[in-house]
Amino acid sequence: MWSVIKSVLAAFFGVQRDQQRREDFEHGKPVSFIIVGIAMAMLLVALVALIATLAAG
Protein backbone atom coordinates (compact mmCIF):
# COMPACT_ATOMS: atom_id res chain seq x y z
CA MET A 1 0.00 0.00 0.00
CA TRP A 2 2.90 2.37 0.70
CA SER A 3 4.10 2.02 -2.89
CA VAL A 4 0.63 3.02 -4.16
CA ILE A 5 0.59 6.11 -1.92
CA LYS A 6 4.11 7.02 -2.97
CA SER A 7 3.25 6.58 -6.63
CA VAL A 8 0.07 8.68 -6.37
CA LEU A 9 1.95 11.47 -4.55
CA ALA A 10 4.63 11.47 -7.24
CA ALA A 11 1.96 11.66 -9.93
CA PHE A 12 0.22 14.54 -8.10
CA PHE A 13 3.45 16.53 -8.17
CA GLY A 14 4.36 15.42 -11.69
CA VAL A 15 7.71 13.92 -10.74
CA GLN A 16 7.05 10.23 -11.29
CA ARG A 17 9.71 8.37 -13.25
CA ASP A 18 8.69 6.66 -16.47
CA GLN A 19 9.98 3.32 -15.20
CA GLN A 20 7.84 3.55 -12.05
CA ARG A 21 4.78 4.54 -14.09
CA ARG A 22 5.23 1.52 -16.36
CA GLU A 23 5.66 -0.78 -13.36
CA ASP A 24 2.47 0.60 -11.78
CA PHE A 25 0.48 -0.08 -14.95
CA GLU A 26 1.88 -3.59 -15.30
CA HIS A 27 1.63 -4.80 -11.70
CA GLY A 28 -0.70 -2.45 -9.85
CA LYS A 29 -4.44 -2.79 -9.38
CA PRO A 30 -6.34 0.18 -10.81
CA VAL A 31 -8.86 0.21 -7.96
CA SER A 32 -6.18 0.87 -5.35
CA PHE A 33 -4.77 3.78 -7.36
CA ILE A 34 -8.25 5.23 -7.85
CA ILE A 35 -9.14 4.99 -4.16
CA VAL A 36 -5.84 6.49 -3.00
CA GLY A 37 -6.06 9.21 -5.66
CA ILE A 38 -9.57 10.21 -4.58
CA ALA A 39 -8.54 10.21 -0.91
CA MET A 40 -5.48 12.38 -1.67
CA ALA A 41 -7.58 14.81 -3.72
CA MET A 42 -10.11 15.14 -0.90
CA LEU A 43 -7.29 15.70 1.59
CA LEU A 44 -5.80 18.38 -0.64
CA VAL A 45 -9.17 20.18 -0.95
CA ALA A 46 -9.69 20.00 2.83
CA LEU A 47 -6.21 21.36 3.46
CA VAL A 48 -6.71 24.28 1.06
CA ALA A 49 -10.10 25.04 2.65
CA LEU A 50 -8.53 24.97 6.12
CA ILE A 51 -5.73 27.33 5.07
CA ALA A 52 -8.24 29.68 3.45
CA THR A 53 -10.41 29.67 6.57
CA LEU A 54 -7.44 30.39 8.81
CA ALA A 55 -6.19 33.15 6.51
CA ALA A 56 -9.61 34.85 6.44
CA GLY A 57 -9.47 35.22 10.18
C-alpha atoms as a PDB file:
ATOM      1  CA  MET A   1       0.000   0.000   0.000  1.00  0.00           C
ATOM      2  CA  TRP A   2       2.899   2.369   0.701  1.00  0.00           C
ATOM      3  CA  SER A   3       4.095   2.023  -2.890  1.00  0.00           C
ATOM      4  CA  VAL A   4       0.634   3.022  -4.164  1.00  0.00           C
ATOM      5  CA  ILE A   5       0.590   6.107  -1.915  1.00  0.00           C
ATOM      6  CA  LYS A   6       4.111   7.023  -2.972  1.00  0.00           C
ATOM      7  CA  SER A   7       3.245   6.584  -6.629  1.00  0.00           C
ATOM      8  CA  VAL A   8       0.066   8.683  -6.369  1.00  0.00           C
ATOM      9  CA  LEU A   9       1.946  11.470  -4.551  1.00  0.00           C
ATOM     10  CA  ALA A  10       4.630  11.472  -7.237  1.00  0.00           C
ATOM     11  CA  ALA A  11       1.963  11.663  -9.926  1.00  0.00           C
ATOM     12  CA  PHE A  12       0.222  14.537  -8.099  1.00  0.00           C
ATOM     13  CA  PHE A  13       3.447  16.533  -8.165  1.00  0.00           C
ATOM     14  CA  GLY A  14       4.362  15.421 -11.687  1.00  0.00           C
ATOM     15  CA  VAL A  15       7.710  13.925 -10.735  1.00  0.00           C
ATOM     16  CA  GLN A  16       7.055  10.228 -11.285  1.00  0.00           C
ATOM     17  CA  ARG A  17       9.707   8.375 -13.247  1.00  0.00           C
ATOM     18  CA  ASP A  18       8.688   6.663 -16.467  1.00  0.00           C
ATOM     19  CA  GLN A  19       9.984   3.320 -15.204  1.00  0.00           C
ATOM     20  CA  GLN A  20       7.839   3.554 -12.053  1.00  0.00           C
ATOM     21  CA  ARG A  21       4.778   4.536 -14.089  1.00  0.00           C
ATOM     22  CA  ARG A  22       5.227   1.518 -16.361  1.00  0.00           C
ATOM     23  CA  GLU A  23       5.658  -0.779 -13.355  1.00  0.00           C
ATOM     24  CA  ASP A  24       2.474   0.601 -11.785  1.00  0.00           C
ATOM     25  CA  PHE A  25       0.482  -0.078 -14.955  1.00  0.00           C
ATOM     26  CA  GLU A  26       1.883  -3.595 -15.299  1.00  0.00           C
ATOM     27  CA  HIS A  27       1.633  -4.803 -11.704  1.00  0.00           C
ATOM     28  CA  GLY A  28      -0.703  -2.445  -9.853  1.00  0.00           C
ATOM     29  CA  LYS A  29      -4.436  -2.788  -9.380  1.00  0.00           C
ATOM     30  CA  PRO A  30      -6.343   0.181 -10.810  1.00  0.00           C
ATOM     31  CA  VAL A  31      -8.860   0.205  -7.964  1.00  0.00           C
ATOM     32  CA  SER A  32      -6.183   0.866  -5.350  1.00  0.00           C
ATOM     33  CA  PHE A  33      -4.770   3.785  -7.362  1.00  0.00           C
ATOM     34  CA  ILE A  34      -8.252   5.231  -7.854  1.00  0.00           C
ATOM     35  CA  ILE A  35      -9.137   4.988  -4.159  1.00  0.00           C
ATOM     36  CA  VAL A  36      -5.843   6.488  -3.000  1.00  0.00           C
ATOM     37  CA  GLY A  37      -6.063   9.208  -5.657  1.00  0.00           C
ATOM     38  CA  ILE A  38      -9.571  10.212  -4.580  1.00  0.00           C
ATOM     39  CA  ALA A  39      -8.540  10.214  -0.909  1.00  0.00           C
ATOM     40  CA  MET A  40      -5.482  12.377  -1.671  1.00  0.00           C
ATOM     41  CA  ALA A  41      -7.576  14.814  -3.716  1.00  0.00           C
ATOM     42  CA  MET A  42     -10.106  15.138  -0.897  1.00  0.00           C
ATOM     43  CA  LEU A  43      -7.288  15.696   1.587  1.00  0.00           C
ATOM     44  CA  LEU A  44      -5.800  18.382  -0.644  1.00  0.00           C
ATOM     45  CA  VAL A  45      -9.167  20.180  -0.948  1.00  0.00           C
ATOM     46  CA  ALA A  46      -9.694  20.000   2.826  1.00  0.00           C
ATOM     47  CA  LEU A  47      -6.208  21.357   3.457  1.00  0.00           C
ATOM     48  CA  VAL A  48      -6.708  24.276   1.056  1.00  0.00           C
ATOM     49  CA  ALA A  49     -10.096  25.038   2.647  1.00  0.00           C
ATOM     50  CA  LEU A  50      -8.528  24.969   6.123  1.00  0.00           C
ATOM     51  CA  ILE A  51      -5.731  27.326   5.071  1.00  0.00           C
ATOM     52  CA  ALA A  52      -8.239  29.679   3.449  1.00  0.00           C
ATOM     53  CA  THR A  53     -10.414  29.671   6.572  1.00  0.00           C
ATOM     54  CA  LEU A  54      -7.436  30.394   8.811  1.00  0.00           C
ATOM     55  CA  ALA A  55      -6.186  33.152   6.515  1.00  0.00           C
ATOM     56  CA  ALA A  56      -9.606  34.853   6.437  1.00  0.00           C
ATOM     57  CA  GLY A  57      -9.474  35.217  10.179  1.00  0.00           C
END
